[in-house]
């Protein structure tokens, strides 16, 4: 007949128990390691400033790739903001479209706490947003006042100033 060995059952149960304890111990170790690495020695203001800088960098990248619906040559077309900038450079009639779209995009994200300056071949073509006396790029910018991010594409330079609240 079928005889079940009690020693076999005890050995198998003990093995499962030990393996379960090892897995639980490893999970606890990983949990505390992750929790320990997640703590930062910096203060909250530095973290907010860092995230605002990342936001500005991301905003500029997304801005130049934003699709714009407009009329060109009697047809409705969709182009990117970077292409609209080039059109505005060639034909001043498109500057108003560029300005209104730029204002709408950044106002939605930053409210009134931004300034965008678009330059073509080092000549300022468009300034949109909060109007303040801005420092020259060679001047040291105080991080307590605003953050400046610049993105360049051929012949075009876009500066985004985000004013901290």
Foldseek 3Di string as FASTA:
>chain_A
DDDDDPVVVVVVVVVVVVVVVVVVVVVVVVVVVVVVVPDDPDDPVVVVLVVVVVVVVVLVVVQQQDWDWDDDPNDTDIDGLVVLVVVCVVPVVSVVVSQVVVQVSVCVVQNQFKWKWKAFQNHTDDIDGDDDPDDDPVDDDDSQFWDWDWDDDVRMIMIMIGGDD
